[in-house]
């Protein structure tokens, strides 16, 4: 089930559909619902937190966890979960 996440600085709200963590401990909060697309929009938490496009086939070999159940997932730094 999607969950809404708000940027504390800008106030922008996105709907997160999936959370992915890779071996390098980068986290991807997938914010579009294009299931059949290789390019997905996400909030990415790496060395910085930014919003942009992610090529799913490029990160696939490095994924260690992924879930659409976001109840136990912390929001990205500088963001918060909202109703």
PDB file of N, CA and C in Angstrom:
ATOM      1  N   UNK A   1       0.840  -1.172   0.000  1.00  0.00           N
ATOM      2  CA  UNK A   1       0.000   0.000   0.000  1.00  0.00           C
ATOM      3  C   UNK A   1       0.894   1.249   0.000  1.00  0.00           C
ATOM      4  N   UNK A   2       0.633   2.190  -0.882  1.00  0.00           N
ATOM      5  CA  UNK A   2       1.437   3.423  -0.945  1.00  0.00           C
ATOM      6  C   UNK A   2       1.325   4.234   0.345  1.00  0.00           C
ATOM      7  N   UNK A   3       2.358   5.023   0.580  1.00  0.00           N
ATOM      8  CA  UNK A   3       2.401   5.876   1.770  1.00  0.00           C
ATOM      9  C   UNK A   3       2.926   7.245   1.351  1.00  0.00           C
ATOM     10  N   UNK A   4       2.365   8.316   1.900  1.00  0.00           N
ATOM     11  CA  UNK A   4       2.777   9.677   1.539  1.00  0.00           C
ATOM     12  C   UNK A   4       3.945  10.133   2.412  1.00  0.00           C
ATOM     13  N   UNK A   5       4.921  10.780   1.754  1.00  0.00           N
ATOM     14  CA  UNK A   5       6.105  11.287   2.431  1.00  0.00           C
ATOM     15  C   UNK A   5       6.261  12.761   2.068  1.00  0.00           C
ATOM     16  N   UNK A   6       6.519  13.596   3.090  1.00  0.00           N
ATOM     17  CA  UNK A   6       6.602  15.050   2.907  1.00  0.00           C
ATOM     18  C   UNK A   6       8.029  15.530   3.141  1.00  0.00           C
ATOM     19  N   UNK A   7       8.510  16.394   2.239  1.00  0.00           N
ATOM     20  CA  UNK A   7       9.820  17.017   2.388  1.00  0.00           C
ATOM     21  C   UNK A   7       9.689  18.145   3.410  1.00  0.00           C
ATOM     22  N   UNK A   8      10.469  18.067   4.488  1.00  0.00           N
ATOM     23  CA  UNK A   8      10.364  19.059   5.564  1.00  0.00           C
ATOM     24  C   UNK A   8      10.830  20.447   5.151  1.00  0.00           C
ATOM     25  N   UNK A   9      11.664  20.551   4.141  1.00  0.00           N
ATOM     26  CA  UNK A   9      12.171  21.858   3.705  1.00  0.00           C
ATOM     27  C   UNK A   9      11.229  22.530   2.714  1.00  0.00           C
ATOM     28  N   UNK A  10      10.770  21.764   1.711  1.00  0.00           N
ATOM     29  CA  UNK A  10       9.961  22.363   0.648  1.00  0.00           C
ATOM     30  C   UNK A  10       8.460  22.181   0.845  1.00  0.00           C
ATOM     31  N   UNK A  11       8.079  21.203   1.665  1.00  0.00           N
ATOM     32  CA  UNK A  11       6.657  20.912   1.861  1.00  0.00           C
ATOM     33  C   UNK A  11       6.059  20.033   0.782  1.00  0.00           C
ATOM     34  N   UNK A  12       6.855  19.655  -0.221  1.00  0.00           N
ATOM     35  CA  UNK A  12       6.314  18.809  -1.292  1.00  0.00           C
ATOM     36  C   UNK A  12       6.008  17.417  -0.757  1.00  0.00           C
ATOM     37  N   UNK A  13       4.946  16.831  -1.273  1.00  0.00           N
ATOM     38  CA  UNK A  13       4.490  15.512  -0.842  1.00  0.00           C
ATOM     39  C   UNK A  13       4.549  14.560  -2.029  1.00  0.00           C
ATOM     40  N   UNK A  14       5.096  13.370  -1.786  1.00  0.00           N
ATOM     41  CA  UNK A  14       5.155  12.324  -2.810  1.00  0.00           C
ATOM     42  C   UNK A  14       4.488  11.074  -2.259  1.00  0.00           C
ATOM     43  N   UNK A  15       4.036  10.211  -3.149  1.00  0.00           N
ATOM     44  CA  UNK A  15       3.439   8.944  -2.761  1.00  0.00           C
ATOM     45  C   UNK A  15       4.445   7.835  -3.031  1.00  0.00           C
ATOM     46  N   UNK A  16       4.906   7.187  -1.973  1.00  0.00           N
ATOM     47  CA  UNK A  16       5.913   6.133  -2.094  1.00  0.00           C
ATOM     48  C   UNK A  16       5.206   4.796  -2.297  1.00  0.00           C
ATOM     49  N   UNK A  17       5.622   4.066  -3.351  1.00  0.00           N
ATOM     50  CA  UNK A  17       5.023   2.774  -3.668  1.00  0.00           C
ATOM     51  C   UNK A  17       5.903   1.603  -3.258  1.00  0.00           C
ATOM     52  N   UNK A  18       7.210   1.831  -3.180  1.00  0.00           N
ATOM     53  CA  UNK A  18       8.124   0.739  -2.852  1.00  0.00           C
ATOM     54  C   UNK A  18       9.401   1.313  -2.257  1.00  0.00           C
ATOM     55  N   UNK A  19      10.000   0.559  -1.335  1.00  0.00           N
ATOM     56  CA  UNK A  19      11.295   0.922  -0.753  1.00  0.00           C
ATOM     57  C   UNK A  19      12.299  -0.149  -1.148  1.00  0.00           C
ATOM     58  N   UNK A  20      13.464   0.288  -1.636  1.00  0.00           N
ATOM     59  CA  UNK A  20      14.533  -0.621  -2.064  1.00  0.00           C
ATOM     60  C   UNK A  20      15.818  -0.218  -1.357  1.00  0.00           C
ATOM     61  N   UNK A  21      16.572  -1.214  -0.882  1.00  0.00           N
ATOM     62  CA  UNK A  21      17.891  -0.973  -0.302  1.00  0.00           C
ATOM     63  C   UNK A  21      18.902  -1.815  -1.075  1.00  0.00           C
ATOM     64  N   UNK A  22      20.034  -1.198  -1.431  1.00  0.00           N
ATOM     65  CA  UNK A  22      21.058  -1.916  -2.193  1.00  0.00           C
ATOM     66  C   UNK A  22      22.249  -2.266  -1.303  1.00  0.00           C
ATOM     67  N   UNK A  23      23.147  -3.096  -1.844  1.00  0.00           N
ATOM     68  CA  UNK A  23      24.335  -3.534  -1.097  1.00  0.00           C
ATOM     69  C   UNK A  23      25.172  -2.380  -0.578  1.00  0.00           C
ATOM     70  N   UNK A  24      25.223  -1.284  -1.289  1.00  0.00           N
ATOM     71  CA  UNK A  24      25.969  -0.104  -0.849  1.00  0.00           C
ATOM     72  C   UNK A  24      25.193   0.733   0.153  1.00  0.00           C
ATOM     73  N   UNK A  25      24.030   0.207   0.589  1.00  0.00           N
ATOM     74  CA  UNK A  25      23.132   0.852   1.540  1.00  0.00           C
ATOM     75  C   UNK A  25      22.546   2.156   1.022  1.00  0.00           C
ATOM     76  N   UNK A  26      22.440   2.275  -0.310  1.00  0.00           N
ATOM     77  CA  UNK A  26      21.649   3.350  -0.887  1.00  0.00           C
ATOM     78  C   UNK A  26      20.198   2.910  -0.770  1.00  0.00           C
ATOM     79  N   UNK A  27      19.326   3.856  -0.517  1.00  0.00           N
ATOM     80  CA  UNK A  27      17.903   3.550  -0.412  1.00  0.00           C
ATOM     81  C   UNK A  27      17.134   4.303  -1.483  1.00  0.00           C
ATOM     82  N   UNK A  28      16.151   3.629  -2.047  1.00  0.00           N
ATOM     83  CA  UNK A  28      15.334   4.182  -3.128  1.00  0.00           C
ATOM     84  C   UNK A  28      13.878   4.113  -2.688  1.00  0.00           C
ATOM     85  N   UNK A  29      13.236   5.266  -2.640  1.00  0.00           N
ATOM     86  CA  UNK A  29      11.813   5.366  -2.345  1.00  0.00           C
ATOM     87  C   UNK A  29      11.119   5.602  -3.682  1.00  0.00           C
ATOM     88  N   UNK A  30      10.578   4.552  -4.271  1.00  0.00           N
ATOM     89  CA  UNK A  30       9.968   4.639  -5.602  1.00  0.00           C
ATOM     90  C   UNK A  30       8.649   5.394  -5.490  1.00  0.00           C
ATOM     91  N   UNK A  31       8.538   6.496  -6.260  1.00  0.00           N
ATOM     92  CA  UNK A  31       7.374   7.382  -6.118  1.00  0.00           C
ATOM     93  C   UNK A  31       6.476   7.420  -7.346  1.00  0.00           C
ATOM     94  N   UNK A  32       6.677   6.490  -8.270  1.00  0.00           N
ATOM     95  CA  UNK A  32       5.706   6.374  -9.359  1.00  0.00           C
ATOM     96  C   UNK A  32       5.206   4.942  -9.382  1.00  0.00           C
ATOM     97  N   UNK A  33       4.159   4.711 -10.123  1.00  0.00           N
ATOM     98  CA  UNK A  33       3.532   3.391 -10.127  1.00  0.00           C
ATOM     99  C   UNK A  33       3.615   2.734 -11.503  1.00  0.00           C
ATOM    100  N   UNK A  34       4.674   3.059 -12.268  1.00  0.00           N
ATOM    101  CA  UNK A  34       4.850   2.489 -13.607  1.00  0.00           C
ATOM    102  C   UNK A  34       5.500   1.112 -13.482  1.00  0.00           C
ATOM    103  N   UNK A  35       4.702   0.108 -13.234  1.00  0.00           N
ATOM    104  CA  UNK A  35       5.204  -1.238 -12.967  1.00  0.00           C
ATOM    105  C   UNK A  35       5.990  -1.808 -14.138  1.00  0.00           C
ATOM    106  N   UNK A  36       5.598  -1.492 -15.363  1.00  0.00           N
ATOM    107  CA  UNK A  36       6.229  -2.087 -16.545  1.00  0.00           C
ATOM    108  C   UNK A  36       7.381  -1.254 -17.102  1.00  0.00           C
ATOM    109  N   UNK A  37       7.799  -0.207 -16.410  1.00  0.00           N
ATOM    110  CA  UNK A  37       8.845   0.678 -16.916  1.00  0.00           C
ATOM    111  C   UNK A  37      10.174   0.402 -16.223  1.00  0.00           C
ATOM    112  N   UNK A  38      11.274   0.454 -16.983  1.00  0.00           N
ATOM    113  CA  UNK A  38      12.612   0.258 -16.416  1.00  0.00           C
ATOM    114  C   UNK A  38      13.099   1.535 -15.733  1.00  0.00           C
ATOM    115  N   UNK A  39      12.604   2.683 -16.159  1.00  0.00           N
ATOM    116  CA  UNK A  39      12.982   3.963 -15.552  1.00  0.00           C
ATOM    117  C   UNK A  39      11.869   4.373 -14.604  1.00  0.00           C
ATOM    118  N   UNK A  40      12.241   4.551 -13.319  1.00  0.00           N
ATOM    119  CA  UNK A  40      11.261   4.905 -12.305  1.00  0.00           C
ATOM    120  C   UNK A  40      11.704   6.176 -11.594  1.00  0.00           C
ATOM    121  N   UNK A  41      10.755   6.963 -11.138  1.00  0.00           N
ATOM    122  CA  UNK A  41      11.071   8.171 -10.358  1.00  0.00           C
ATOM    123  C   UNK A  41      11.175   7.779  -8.892  1.00  0.00           C
ATOM    124  N   UNK A  42      12.163   8.375  -8.192  1.00  0.00           N
ATOM    125  CA  UNK A  42      12.391   7.995  -6.800  1.00  0.00           C
ATOM    126  C   UNK A  42      13.021   9.131  -6.003  1.00  0.00           C
ATOM    127  N   UNK A  43      12.846   9.055  -4.693  1.00  0.00           N
ATOM    128  CA  UNK A  43      13.665   9.825  -3.760  1.00  0.00           C
ATOM    129  C   UNK A  43      14.803   8.876  -3.424  1.00  0.00           C
ATOM    130  N   UNK A  44      16.033   9.313  -3.655  1.00  0.00           N
ATOM    131  CA  UNK A  44      17.204   8.454  -3.492  1.00  0.00           C
ATOM    132  C   UNK A  44      18.038   8.959  -2.320  1.00  0.00           C
ATOM    133  N   UNK A  45      18.352   8.041  -1.413  1.00  0.00           N
ATOM    134  CA  UNK A  45      19.195   8.369  -0.273  1.00  0.00           C
ATOM    135  C   UNK A  45      20.532   7.658  -0.469  1.00  0.00           C
ATOM    136  N   UNK A  46      21.523   8.420  -0.935  1.00  0.00           N
ATOM    137  CA  UNK A  46      22.880   7.912  -1.111  1.00  0.00           C
ATOM    138  C   UNK A  46      23.802   8.794  -0.302  1.00  0.00           C
ATOM    139  N   UNK A  47      24.781   9.387  -0.951  1.00  0.00           N
ATOM    140  CA  UNK A  47      25.651  10.331  -0.243  1.00  0.00           C
ATOM    141  C   UNK A  47      24.897  11.622   0.070  1.00  0.00           C
ATOM    142  N   UNK A  48      23.847  11.905  -0.693  1.00  0.00           N
ATOM    143  CA  UNK A  48      22.904  12.995  -0.426  1.00  0.00           C
ATOM    144  C   UNK A  48      21.505  12.454  -0.690  1.00  0.00           C
ATOM    145  N   UNK A  49      20.498  13.184  -0.275  1.00  0.00           N
ATOM    146  CA  UNK A  49      19.116  12.801  -0.573  1.00  0.00           C
ATOM    147  C   UNK A  49      18.647  13.676  -1.720  1.00  0.00           C
ATOM    148  N   UNK A  50      18.200  13.037  -2.810  1.00  0.00           N
ATOM    149  CA  UNK A  50      17.734  13.787  -3.970  1.00  0.00           C
ATOM    150  C   UNK A  50      16.609  13.028  -4.651  1.00  0.00           C
ATOM    151  N   UNK A  51      15.911  13.736  -5.496  1.00  0.00           N
ATOM    152  CA  UNK A  51      14.799  13.160  -6.254  1.00  0.00           C
ATOM    153  C   UNK A  51      15.222  13.069  -7.712  1.00  0.00           C
ATOM    154  N   UNK A  52      14.951  11.910  -8.346  1.00  0.00           N
ATOM    155  CA  UNK A  52      15.323  11.759  -9.741  1.00  0.00           C
ATOM    156  C   UNK A  52      14.888  10.419 -10.307  1.00  0.00           C
ATOM    157  N   UNK A  53      15.398  10.117 -11.498  1.00  0.00           N
ATOM    158  CA  UNK A  53      15.061   8.867 -12.178  1.00  0.00           C
ATOM    159  C   UNK A  53      16.062   7.777 -11.834  1.00  0.00           C
ATOM    160  N   UNK A  54      15.557   6.540 -11.773  1.00  0.00           N
ATOM    161  CA  UNK A  54      16.378   5.378 -11.458  1.00  0.00           C
ATOM    162  C   UNK A  54      16.149   4.326 -12.532  1.00  0.00           C
ATOM    163  N   UNK A  55      17.236   3.754 -13.051  1.00  0.00           N
ATOM    164  CA  UNK A  55      17.134   2.651 -14.006  1.00  0.00           C
ATOM    165  C   UNK A  55      17.107   1.351 -13.204  1.00  0.00           C
ATOM    166  N   UNK A  56      15.961   0.712 -13.166  1.00  0.00           N
ATOM    167  CA  UNK A  56      15.787  -0.474 -12.339  1.00  0.00           C
ATOM    168  C   UNK A  56      16.714  -1.618 -12.751  1.00  0.00           C
ATOM    169  N   UNK A  57      16.965  -1.778 -14.051  1.00  0.00           N
ATOM    170  CA  UNK A  57      17.840  -2.871 -14.494  1.00  0.00           C
ATOM    171  C   UNK A  57      19.283  -2.653 -14.047  1.00  0.00           C
ATOM    172  N   UNK A  58      19.682  -1.394 -13.844  1.00  0.00           N
ATOM    173  CA  UNK A  58      21.043  -1.115 -13.377  1.00  0.00           C
ATOM    174  C   UNK A  58      21.219  -1.413 -11.892  1.00  0.00           C
ATOM    175  N   UNK A  59      20.195  -1.168 -11.091  1.00  0.00           N
ATOM    176  CA  UNK A  59      20.349  -1.418  -9.657  1.00  0.00           C
ATOM    177  C   UNK A  59      19.937  -2.836  -9.259  1.00  0.00           C
ATOM    178  N   UNK A  60      19.220  -3.549 -10.125  1.00  0.00           N
ATOM    179  CA  UNK A  60      18.700  -4.876  -9.797  1.00  0.00           C
ATOM    180  C   UNK A  60      19.756  -5.831  -9.231  1.00  0.00           C
ATOM    181  N   UNK A  61      20.976  -5.918  -9.812  1.00  0.00           N
ATOM    182  CA  UNK A  61      21.961  -6.862  -9.258  1.00  0.00           C
ATOM    183  C   UNK A  61      22.436  -6.510  -7.845  1.00  0.00           C
ATOM    184  N   UNK A  62      22.174  -5.290  -7.391  1.00  0.00           N
ATOM    185  CA  UNK A  62      22.672  -4.824  -6.101  1.00  0.00           C
ATOM    186  C   UNK A  62      21.601  -4.761  -5.012  1.00  0.00           C
ATOM    187  N   UNK A  63      20.356  -5.088  -5.362  1.00  0.00           N
ATOM    188  CA  UNK A  63      19.246  -5.009  -4.401  1.00  0.00           C
ATOM    189  C   UNK A  63      19.379  -6.105  -3.350  1.00  0.00           C
ATOM    190  N   UNK A  64      19.322  -5.685  -2.064  1.00  0.00           N
ATOM    191  CA  UNK A  64      19.323  -6.682  -0.986  1.00  0.00           C
ATOM    192  C   UNK A  64      17.945  -6.805  -0.336  1.00  0.00           C
ATOM    193  N   UNK A  65      17.159  -5.727  -0.337  1.00  0.00           N
ATOM    194  CA  UNK A  65      15.777  -5.793   0.149  1.00  0.00           C
ATOM    195  C   UNK A  65      14.903  -4.871  -0.686  1.00  0.00           C
ATOM    196  N   UNK A  66      13.653  -5.262  -0.818  1.00  0.00           N
ATOM    197  CA  UNK A  66      12.656  -4.387  -1.441  1.00  0.00           C
ATOM    198  C   UNK A  66      11.294  -4.771  -0.901  1.00  0.00           C
ATOM    199  N   UNK A  67      10.466  -3.767  -0.665  1.00  0.00           N
ATOM    200  CA  UNK A  67       9.164  -4.036  -0.090  1.00  0.00           C
ATOM    201  C   UNK A  67       8.175  -2.946  -0.451  1.00  0.00           C
ATOM    202  N   UNK A  68       6.938  -3.362  -0.628  1.00  0.00           N
ATOM    203  CA  UNK A  68       5.834  -2.419  -0.800  1.00  0.00           C
ATOM    204  C   UNK A  68       5.112  -2.206   0.527  1.00  0.00           C
ATOM    205  N   UNK A  69       5.472  -2.990   1.539  1.00  0.00           N
ATOM    206  CA  UNK A  69       4.935  -2.807   2.882  1.00  0.00           C
ATOM    207  C   UNK A  69       5.828  -1.795   3.590  1.00  0.00           C
ATOM    208  N   UNK A  70       5.368  -0.576   3.688  1.00  0.00           N
ATOM    209  CA  UNK A  70       6.194   0.528   4.182  1.00  0.00           C
ATOM    210  C   UNK A  70       5.978   0.848   5.654  1.00  0.00           C
ATOM    211  N   UNK A  71       5.248   0.003   6.378  1.00  0.00           N
ATOM    212  CA  UNK A  71       4.931   0.296   7.778  1.00  0.00           C
ATOM    213  C   UNK A  71       6.169   0.336   8.668  1.00  0.00           C
ATOM    214  N   UNK A  72       7.191  -0.462   8.401  1.00  0.00           N
ATOM    215  CA  UNK A  72       8.386  -0.484   9.233  1.00  0.00           C
ATOM    216  C   UNK A  72       9.557   0.281   8.643  1.00  0.00           C
ATOM    217  N   UNK A  73       9.318   1.028   7.577  1.00  0.00           N
ATOM    218  CA  UNK A  73      10.385   1.752   6.876  1.00  0.00           C
ATOM    219  C   UNK A  73      10.450   3.188   7.390  1.00  0.00           C
ATOM    220  N   UNK A  74      11.661   3.636   7.721  1.00  0.00           N
ATOM    221  CA  UNK A  74      11.866   5.029   8.120  1.00  0.00           C
ATOM    222  C   UNK A  74      11.814   5.918   6.876  1.00  0.00           C
ATOM    223  N   UNK A  75      11.327   7.146   6.991  1.00  0.00           N
ATOM    224  CA  UNK A  75      11.353   8.052   5.832  1.00  0.00           C
ATOM    225  C   UNK A  75      12.789   8.487   5.543  1.00  0.00           C
ATOM    226  N   UNK A  76      13.014   9.014   4.364  1.00  0.00           N
ATOM    227  CA  UNK A  76      14.335   9.539   4.003  1.00  0.00           C
ATOM    228  C   UNK A  76      14.677  10.707   4.927  1.00  0.00           C
ATOM    229  N   UNK A  77      15.974  10.934   5.208  1.00  0.00           N
ATOM    230  CA  UNK A  77      16.358  12.085   6.030  1.00  0.00           C
ATOM    231  C   UNK A  77      15.815  13.391   5.422  1.00  0.00           C
ATOM    232  N   UNK A  78      15.237  14.232   6.274  1.00  0.00           N
ATOM    233  CA  UNK A  78      14.647  15.478   5.798  1.00  0.00           C
ATOM    234  C   UNK A  78      13.217  15.315   5.307  1.00  0.00           C
ATOM    235  N   UNK A  79      12.686  14.096   5.416  1.00  0.00           N
ATOM    236  CA  UNK A  79      11.318  13.815   5.004  1.00  0.00           C
ATOM    237  C   UNK A  79      10.581  13.204   6.204  1.00  0.00           C
ATOM    238  N   UNK A  80       9.244  13.197   6.149  1.00  0.00           N
ATOM    239  CA  UNK A  80       8.449  12.544   7.182  1.00  0.00           C
ATOM    240  C   UNK A  80       7.227  11.903   6.549  1.00  0.00           C
ATOM    241  N   UNK A  81       6.743  10.838   7.177  1.00  0.00           N
ATOM    242  CA  UNK A  81       5.511  10.210   6.710  1.00  0.00           C
ATOM    243  C   UNK A  81       4.334  11.067   7.125  1.00  0.00           C
ATOM    244  N   UNK A  82       3.359  11.228   6.240  1.00  0.00           N
ATOM    245  CA  UNK A  82       2.144  11.986   6.527  1.00  0.00           C
ATOM    246  C   UNK A  82       0.935  11.157   6.122  1.00  0.00           C
ATOM    247  N   UNK A  83      -0.225  11.536   6.640  1.00  0.00           N
ATOM    248  CA  UNK A  83      -1.469  10.832   6.303  1.00  0.00           C
ATOM    249  C   UNK A  83      -2.095  11.416   5.079  1.00  0.00           C
TER     250      UNK A  83
END
